[in-house]
Amino acid sequence: MNMKTKKGITLIALIITIIALLILVGVTIASLTGENRNIK
């Protein structure tokens, strides 16, 4: 039971990290290309 809980938490943490990185990459690309119309 404990191992399954740790595995689930690790999987959720991995997904959250990937989503955060994708958002950062999107913001970076938008600002570099000058298409940051909605980012202040």
PDB file of N, CA and C in Angstrom:
ATOM      1  N   MET A   1       0.833  -1.200   0.000  1.00  0.00           N
ATOM      2  CA  MET A   1       0.000   0.000   0.000  1.00  0.00           C
ATOM      3  C   MET A   1       0.870   1.254   0.000  1.00  0.00           C
ATOM      4  N   ASN A   2       1.883   1.252   0.860  1.00  0.00           N
ATOM      5  CA  ASN A   2       2.755   2.428   0.970  1.00  0.00           C
ATOM      6  C   ASN A   2       3.527   2.662  -0.323  1.00  0.00           C
ATOM      7  N   MET A   3       4.004   1.581  -0.943  1.00  0.00           N
ATOM      8  CA  MET A   3       4.772   1.701  -2.185  1.00  0.00           C
ATOM      9  C   MET A   3       3.892   2.255  -3.305  1.00  0.00           C
ATOM     10  N   LYS A   4       2.634   1.806  -3.351  1.00  0.00           N
ATOM     11  CA  LYS A   4       1.720   2.291  -4.393  1.00  0.00           C
ATOM     12  C   LYS A   4       1.449   3.781  -4.213  1.00  0.00           C
ATOM     13  N   THR A   5       1.312   4.215  -2.971  1.00  0.00           N
ATOM     14  CA  THR A   5       1.078   5.634  -2.707  1.00  0.00           C
ATOM     15  C   THR A   5       2.273   6.464  -3.159  1.00  0.00           C
ATOM     16  N   LYS A   6       3.476   6.006  -2.838  1.00  0.00           N
ATOM     17  CA  LYS A   6       4.682   6.732  -3.258  1.00  0.00           C
ATOM     18  C   LYS A   6       4.773   6.792  -4.779  1.00  0.00           C
ATOM     19  N   LYS A   7       4.436   5.697  -5.436  1.00  0.00           N
ATOM     20  CA  LYS A   7       4.501   5.662  -6.892  1.00  0.00           C
ATOM     21  C   LYS A   7       3.518   6.659  -7.493  1.00  0.00           C
ATOM     22  N   GLY A   8       2.311   6.734  -6.927  1.00  0.00           N
ATOM     23  CA  GLY A   8       1.316   7.675  -7.412  1.00  0.00           C
ATOM     24  C   GLY A   8       1.756   9.112  -7.226  1.00  0.00           C
ATOM     25  N   ILE A   9       2.317   9.411  -6.061  1.00  0.00           N
ATOM     26  CA  ILE A   9       2.788  10.772  -5.793  1.00  0.00           C
ATOM     27  C   ILE A   9       3.923  11.128  -6.751  1.00  0.00           C
ATOM     28  N   THR A  10       4.803  10.192  -7.010  1.00  0.00           N
ATOM     29  CA  THR A  10       5.913  10.434  -7.929  1.00  0.00           C
ATOM     30  C   THR A  10       5.397  10.704  -9.336  1.00  0.00           C
ATOM     31  N   LEU A  11       4.397   9.946  -9.758  1.00  0.00           N
ATOM     32  CA  LEU A  11       3.822  10.119 -11.092  1.00  0.00           C
ATOM     33  C   LEU A  11       3.156  11.480 -11.213  1.00  0.00           C
ATOM     34  N   ILE A  12       2.415  11.869 -10.181  1.00  0.00           N
ATOM     35  CA  ILE A  12       1.755  13.181 -10.198  1.00  0.00           C
ATOM     36  C   ILE A  12       2.800  14.296 -10.227  1.00  0.00           C
ATOM     37  N   ALA A  13       3.855  14.163  -9.430  1.00  0.00           N
ATOM     38  CA  ALA A  13       4.915  15.172  -9.402  1.00  0.00           C
ATOM     39  C   ALA A  13       5.585  15.279 -10.772  1.00  0.00           C
ATOM     40  N   LEU A  14       5.781  14.161 -11.437  1.00  0.00           N
ATOM     41  CA  LEU A  14       6.394  14.158 -12.772  1.00  0.00           C
ATOM     42  C   LEU A  14       5.502  14.878 -13.779  1.00  0.00           C
ATOM     43  N   ILE A  15       4.211  14.605 -13.732  1.00  0.00           N
ATOM     44  CA  ILE A  15       3.275  15.250 -14.659  1.00  0.00           C
ATOM     45  C   ILE A  15       3.234  16.753 -14.417  1.00  0.00           C
ATOM     46  N   ILE A  16       3.180  17.173 -13.150  1.00  0.00           N
ATOM     47  CA  ILE A  16       3.142  18.595 -12.822  1.00  0.00           C
ATOM     48  C   ILE A  16       4.421  19.282 -13.303  1.00  0.00           C
ATOM     49  N   THR A  17       5.559  18.622 -13.123  1.00  0.00           N
ATOM     50  CA  THR A  17       6.832  19.191 -13.562  1.00  0.00           C
ATOM     51  C   THR A  17       6.860  19.372 -15.083  1.00  0.00           C
ATOM     52  N   ILE A  18       6.375  18.374 -15.810  1.00  0.00           N
ATOM     53  CA  ILE A  18       6.355  18.461 -17.272  1.00  0.00           C
ATOM     54  C   ILE A  18       5.445  19.590 -17.735  1.00  0.00           C
ATOM     55  N   ILE A  19       4.271  19.722 -17.102  1.00  0.00           N
ATOM     56  CA  ILE A  19       3.347  20.801 -17.470  1.00  0.00           C
ATOM     57  C   ILE A  19       3.981  22.166 -17.200  1.00  0.00           C
ATOM     58  N   ALA A  20       4.641  22.305 -16.040  1.00  0.00           N
ATOM     59  CA  ALA A  20       5.290  23.580 -15.707  1.00  0.00           C
ATOM     60  C   ALA A  20       6.375  23.913 -16.730  1.00  0.00           C
ATOM     61  N   LEU A  21       7.157  22.926 -17.127  1.00  0.00           N
ATOM     62  CA  LEU A  21       8.202  23.161 -18.119  1.00  0.00           C
ATOM     63  C   LEU A  21       7.611  23.562 -19.471  1.00  0.00           C
ATOM     64  N   LEU A  22       6.520  22.924 -19.863  1.00  0.00           N
ATOM     65  CA  LEU A  22       5.879  23.277 -21.132  1.00  0.00           C
ATOM     66  C   LEU A  22       5.376  24.709 -21.108  1.00  0.00           C
ATOM     67  N   ILE A  23       4.815  25.136 -19.972  1.00  0.00           N
ATOM     68  CA  ILE A  23       4.338  26.518 -19.855  1.00  0.00           C
ATOM     69  C   ILE A  23       5.522  27.487 -19.961  1.00  0.00           C
ATOM     70  N   LEU A  24       6.613  27.185 -19.276  1.00  0.00           N
ATOM     71  CA  LEU A  24       7.790  28.055 -19.329  1.00  0.00           C
ATOM     72  C   LEU A  24       8.358  28.137 -20.748  1.00  0.00           C
ATOM     73  N   VAL A  25       8.410  27.009 -21.429  1.00  0.00           N
ATOM     74  CA  VAL A  25       8.911  26.999 -22.809  1.00  0.00           C
ATOM     75  C   VAL A  25       7.998  27.827 -23.708  1.00  0.00           C
ATOM     76  N   GLY A  26       6.692  27.699 -23.518  1.00  0.00           N
ATOM     77  CA  GLY A  26       5.753  28.474 -24.316  1.00  0.00           C
ATOM     78  C   GLY A  26       5.916  29.961 -24.103  1.00  0.00           C
ATOM     79  N   VAL A  27       6.069  30.371 -22.854  1.00  0.00           N
ATOM     80  CA  VAL A  27       6.258  31.791 -22.542  1.00  0.00           C
ATOM     81  C   VAL A  27       7.571  32.295 -23.136  1.00  0.00           C
ATOM     82  N   THR A  28       8.603  31.501 -23.018  1.00  0.00           N
ATOM     83  CA  THR A  28       9.911  31.896 -23.549  1.00  0.00           C
ATOM     84  C   THR A  28       9.868  32.055 -25.066  1.00  0.00           C
ATOM     85  N   ILE A  29       9.296  31.091 -25.758  1.00  0.00           N
ATOM     86  CA  ILE A  29       9.210  31.162 -27.217  1.00  0.00           C
ATOM     87  C   ILE A  29       8.352  32.354 -27.636  1.00  0.00           C
ATOM     88  N   ALA A  30       7.247  32.587 -26.929  1.00  0.00           N
ATOM     89  CA  ALA A  30       6.368  33.703 -27.270  1.00  0.00           C
ATOM     90  C   ALA A  30       7.103  35.032 -27.104  1.00  0.00           C
ATOM     91  N   SER A  31       7.873  35.164 -26.028  1.00  0.00           N
ATOM     92  CA  SER A  31       8.569  36.437 -25.807  1.00  0.00           C
ATOM     93  C   SER A  31       9.725  36.606 -26.799  1.00  0.00           C
ATOM     94  N   LEU A  32      10.378  35.528 -27.168  1.00  0.00           N
ATOM     95  CA  LEU A  32      11.489  35.616 -28.117  1.00  0.00           C
ATOM     96  C   LEU A  32      10.994  35.963 -29.524  1.00  0.00           C
ATOM     97  N   THR A  33       9.831  35.472 -29.884  1.00  0.00           N
ATOM     98  CA  THR A  33       9.309  35.748 -31.218  1.00  0.00           C
ATOM     99  C   THR A  33       8.513  37.041 -31.263  1.00  0.00           C
ATOM    100  N   GLY A  34       8.325  37.680 -30.105  1.00  0.00           N
ATOM    101  CA  GLY A  34       7.631  38.943 -30.052  1.00  0.00           C
ATOM    102  C   GLY A  34       6.124  38.807 -30.113  1.00  0.00           C
ATOM    103  N   GLU A  35       5.612  37.607 -29.860  1.00  0.00           N
ATOM    104  CA  GLU A  35       4.165  37.392 -29.901  1.00  0.00           C
ATOM    105  C   GLU A  35       3.605  37.287 -28.477  1.00  0.00           C
ATOM    106  N   ASN A  36       4.058  38.150 -27.607  1.00  0.00           N
ATOM    107  CA  ASN A  36       3.637  38.086 -26.202  1.00  0.00           C
ATOM    108  C   ASN A  36       2.514  39.090 -25.951  1.00  0.00           C
ATOM    109  N   ARG A  37       1.459  38.992 -26.707  1.00  0.00           N
ATOM    110  CA  ARG A  37       0.368  39.969 -26.597  1.00  0.00           C
ATOM    111  C   ARG A  37      -0.434  39.806 -25.315  1.00  0.00           C
ATOM    112  N   ASN A  38      -0.485  38.595 -24.751  1.00  0.00           N
ATOM    113  CA  ASN A  38      -1.269  38.377 -23.539  1.00  0.00           C
ATOM    114  C   ASN A  38      -0.400  38.267 -22.294  1.00  0.00           C
ATOM    115  N   ILE A  39       0.903  38.360 -22.435  1.00  0.00           N
ATOM    116  CA  ILE A  39       1.816  38.207 -21.297  1.00  0.00           C
ATOM    117  C   ILE A  39       2.303  39.585 -20.871  1.00  0.00           C
ATOM    118  N   LYS A  40       2.115  39.897 -19.596  1.00  0.00           N
ATOM    119  CA  LYS A  40       2.559  41.216 -19.120  1.00  0.00           C
ATOM    120  C   LYS A  40       3.684  41.057 -18.118  1.00  0.00           C
TER     121      LYS A  40
END
